[in-house]
N, C-alpha and C. Protein backbone atom coordinates (compact mmCIF):
# COMPACT_ATOMS: atom_id res chain seq x y z
N MET A 1 0.87 -1.02 -0.17
CA MET A 1 0.20 0.16 -0.18
C MET A 1 0.79 1.32 -0.09
N VAL A 2 0.37 2.42 -0.41
CA VAL A 2 0.96 3.66 -0.54
C VAL A 2 1.06 4.17 0.74
N PHE A 3 0.14 4.22 1.71
CA PHE A 3 0.08 4.65 2.77
C PHE A 3 -0.14 3.48 3.95
N GLN A 4 0.48 3.49 4.91
CA GLN A 4 0.51 2.47 5.95
C GLN A 4 -0.50 2.85 6.89
N SER A 5 -1.48 1.79 7.25
CA SER A 5 -2.60 2.56 8.25
C SER A 5 -2.72 1.24 9.26
N GLU A 6 -3.00 1.67 10.30
CA GLU A 6 -3.28 0.47 11.41
C GLU A 6 -4.92 0.68 11.59
N CYS A 7 -5.66 1.24 10.84
CA CYS A 7 -7.35 1.15 10.97
C CYS A 7 -7.80 -0.29 10.06
N ASN A 8 -8.88 -0.42 10.74
CA ASN A 8 -9.67 -1.46 10.02
C ASN A 8 -9.88 -1.15 8.50
N ILE A 9 -9.34 -2.33 7.80
CA ILE A 9 -9.57 -2.26 6.31
C ILE A 9 -10.84 -1.85 5.83
N LEU A 10 -11.81 -2.64 6.46
CA LEU A 10 -13.39 -1.99 6.01
C LEU A 10 -13.54 -0.54 6.21
N LEU A 11 -13.04 -0.26 7.16
CA LEU A 11 -13.35 1.16 7.44
C LEU A 11 -12.65 1.91 6.65
N SER A 12 -11.42 1.56 6.14
CA SER A 12 -10.50 2.45 5.28
C SER A 12 -11.22 2.32 3.92
N ILE A 13 -11.66 1.34 3.43
CA ILE A 13 -12.55 1.20 2.13
C ILE A 13 -13.50 1.75 1.95
N PHE A 14 -14.60 1.88 3.16
CA PHE A 14 -15.85 2.88 3.27
C PHE A 14 -15.38 4.38 3.34
N LYS A 15 -14.32 4.84 4.11
CA LYS A 15 -13.85 6.11 4.00
C LYS A 15 -13.28 6.36 2.41
N TYR A 16 -12.65 5.61 1.96
CA TYR A 16 -11.91 5.86 0.50
C TYR A 16 -13.09 5.86 -0.54
N TYR A 17 -14.30 5.19 -0.53
CA TYR A 17 -15.38 5.43 -1.18
C TYR A 17 -16.15 6.51 -0.96
N LEU A 18 -16.34 6.76 0.13
CA LEU A 18 -16.86 8.24 0.59
C LEU A 18 -16.06 9.45 -0.35
N LEU A 19 -14.66 9.40 -0.28
CA LEU A 19 -13.76 10.60 -0.81
C LEU A 19 -14.07 10.46 -2.08
N VAL A 20 -14.29 9.25 -2.65
CA VAL A 20 -14.49 9.28 -4.34
C VAL A 20 -15.59 9.88 -4.72
N ILE A 21 -16.71 9.62 -3.73
CA ILE A 21 -18.09 10.23 -4.26
C ILE A 21 -18.09 11.72 -3.88
N ALA A 22 -17.09 11.89 -3.01
CA ALA A 22 -17.11 13.52 -2.58
C ALA A 22 -16.16 14.16 -3.61
N VAL A 23 -15.01 13.68 -4.39
CA VAL A 23 -14.38 13.99 -5.26
C VAL A 23 -15.20 14.27 -6.65
N LEU A 24 -16.04 13.22 -6.87
CA LEU A 24 -16.88 13.49 -8.15
C LEU A 24 -17.95 14.66 -8.01
N ILE A 25 -18.40 14.94 -6.96
CA ILE A 25 -19.14 15.88 -6.65
C ILE A 25 -18.57 17.27 -6.69
N ALA A 26 -17.33 17.26 -6.00
CA ALA A 26 -16.58 18.57 -5.98
C ALA A 26 -16.01 18.82 -7.48
N ASN A 27 -15.89 17.97 -8.47
CA ASN A 27 -15.47 17.98 -9.68
C ASN A 27 -16.64 18.73 -10.37
N TYR A 28 -17.58 18.27 -10.37
CA TYR A 28 -18.80 18.82 -11.13
C TYR A 28 -19.27 20.34 -10.72
N LEU A 29 -19.01 20.26 -9.17
CA LEU A 29 -19.35 21.64 -8.72
C LEU A 29 -18.41 22.72 -9.34
N LEU A 30 -17.27 22.48 -8.96
CA LEU A 30 -16.11 23.29 -9.46
C LEU A 30 -15.99 23.82 -11.04
N LEU A 31 -16.18 22.52 -11.74
CA LEU A 31 -16.44 22.65 -13.20
C LEU A 31 -17.44 23.80 -13.40
N THR A 32 -18.54 23.34 -12.79
CA THR A 32 -19.80 24.45 -13.19
C THR A 32 -19.47 25.84 -12.77
N LEU A 33 -18.88 25.96 -11.62
CA LEU A 33 -18.78 27.32 -10.99
C LEU A 33 -17.80 27.83 -11.96
N LEU A 34 -16.59 27.25 -12.35
CA LEU A 34 -15.62 28.13 -13.25
C LEU A 34 -16.09 28.25 -14.65
N THR A 35 -17.04 27.53 -15.32
CA THR A 35 -17.04 27.62 -16.55
C THR A 35 -18.38 28.44 -16.89
N LEU A 36 -19.41 28.25 -15.82
CA LEU A 36 -20.65 29.01 -15.98
C LEU A 36 -20.73 30.46 -15.21
N HIS A 37 -20.24 30.41 -14.21
CA HIS A 37 -20.23 31.57 -13.47
C HIS A 37 -19.00 32.41 -13.58
N PHE A 38 -18.02 31.90 -13.75
CA PHE A 38 -16.91 32.71 -14.19
C PHE A 38 -16.25 32.87 -15.51
N SER A 39 -17.09 32.13 -16.42
CA SER A 39 -16.81 31.95 -17.77
C SER A 39 -15.42 31.73 -18.32
N LEU A 40 -14.79 30.91 -17.71
CA LEU A 40 -13.52 30.28 -17.97
C LEU A 40 -13.47 29.23 -19.01
N ASN A 41 -12.51 29.17 -19.69
CA ASN A 41 -12.52 27.80 -20.83
C ASN A 41 -12.63 26.77 -20.11
N ILE A 42 -13.51 25.76 -20.69
CA ILE A 42 -13.57 24.42 -20.31
C ILE A 42 -12.40 23.71 -19.89
N VAL A 43 -11.40 23.95 -20.98
CA VAL A 43 -10.49 23.06 -20.63
C VAL A 43 -9.33 23.62 -19.52
N LEU A 44 -9.32 24.78 -19.61
CA LEU A 44 -8.47 25.51 -18.45
C LEU A 44 -8.98 24.99 -17.00
N SER A 45 -10.32 25.18 -17.02
CA SER A 45 -11.32 25.00 -16.05
C SER A 45 -10.89 23.39 -15.40
N LYS A 46 -10.74 22.62 -16.48
CA LYS A 46 -10.73 21.22 -16.03
C LYS A 46 -9.44 20.67 -15.64
N ILE A 47 -8.21 21.48 -16.38
CA ILE A 47 -7.02 21.47 -15.72
C ILE A 47 -6.81 21.84 -14.19
N LEU A 48 -7.42 23.07 -14.06
CA LEU A 48 -7.32 23.67 -12.58
C LEU A 48 -7.89 22.75 -11.68
N VAL A 49 -9.18 22.48 -11.88
CA VAL A 49 -10.01 21.53 -10.97
C VAL A 49 -9.32 20.04 -10.85
N GLU A 50 -8.70 19.60 -11.73
CA GLU A 50 -8.13 18.39 -11.43
C GLU A 50 -6.79 18.51 -10.51
N ILE A 51 -6.10 19.50 -10.82
CA ILE A 51 -4.69 19.86 -10.03
C ILE A 51 -5.24 19.85 -8.42
N ILE A 52 -6.45 20.81 -8.39
CA ILE A 52 -6.63 21.21 -6.89
C ILE A 52 -7.13 19.76 -6.17
N LEU A 53 -7.95 18.94 -7.03
CA LEU A 53 -8.59 17.70 -6.35
C LEU A 53 -7.50 16.64 -6.20
N PHE A 54 -6.31 16.82 -7.13
CA PHE A 54 -5.51 15.63 -6.89
C PHE A 54 -4.88 15.88 -5.58
N ILE A 55 -4.31 17.20 -5.41
CA ILE A 55 -3.71 17.57 -4.24
C ILE A 55 -4.63 17.16 -2.95
N ALA A 56 -5.53 18.01 -3.08
CA ALA A 56 -6.65 17.44 -1.86
C ALA A 56 -6.97 16.02 -1.74
N ASN A 57 -7.01 15.22 -2.71
CA ASN A 57 -7.40 14.04 -2.66
C ASN A 57 -5.99 13.10 -1.73
N TYR A 58 -4.56 13.63 -2.38
CA TYR A 58 -3.43 12.92 -1.48
C TYR A 58 -3.63 13.24 -0.19
N PHE A 59 -3.73 14.75 0.23
CA PHE A 59 -3.55 14.71 1.66
C PHE A 59 -4.81 14.09 2.48
N ILE A 60 -5.96 14.37 1.90
CA ILE A 60 -7.28 13.54 2.71
C ILE A 60 -6.83 11.84 3.09
N SER A 61 -6.50 11.32 2.07
CA SER A 61 -6.22 9.86 1.99
C SER A 61 -4.93 9.81 2.86
N LYS A 62 -4.00 10.49 2.88
CA LYS A 62 -2.75 10.42 3.56
C LYS A 62 -3.09 10.68 5.33
N PHE A 63 -3.70 11.66 5.57
CA PHE A 63 -3.70 12.05 6.83
C PHE A 63 -5.18 11.74 7.60
N MET A 64 -6.32 11.34 6.65
CA MET A 64 -7.68 11.22 7.10
C MET A 64 -8.03 9.68 6.96
N ILE A 65 -7.67 9.16 5.92
CA ILE A 65 -8.09 7.84 5.74
C ILE A 65 -7.20 6.86 5.96
N PHE A 66 -5.81 6.97 5.47
CA PHE A 66 -4.94 5.92 5.87
C PHE A 66 -4.04 6.40 6.89
N LYS A 67 -4.42 7.23 7.72
CA LYS A 67 -3.53 7.75 9.05
C LYS A 67 -2.86 6.58 9.71
N SER A 68 -1.82 7.11 10.06
CA SER A 68 -1.07 6.13 10.95
C SER A 68 -1.13 6.54 12.40
N LYS A 69 -0.98 5.82 13.49
CA LYS A 69 -1.33 6.11 14.77
C LYS A 69 0.18 6.74 15.22
């Protein structure tokens, strides 16, 4: 595994799938916000959103889902 965890594996899987759903929702909302409300180009918006969510996903996974004691 990328991150070593001492948590229950089923709990980690559940948290990870919650994160996946949250990222999908955030992706949609951020893209909508940037393209419709701020009139940014769709390609630029997608790149910005993916960078933001990639970094957020990494830190949330490392420190909240697969945290070590």
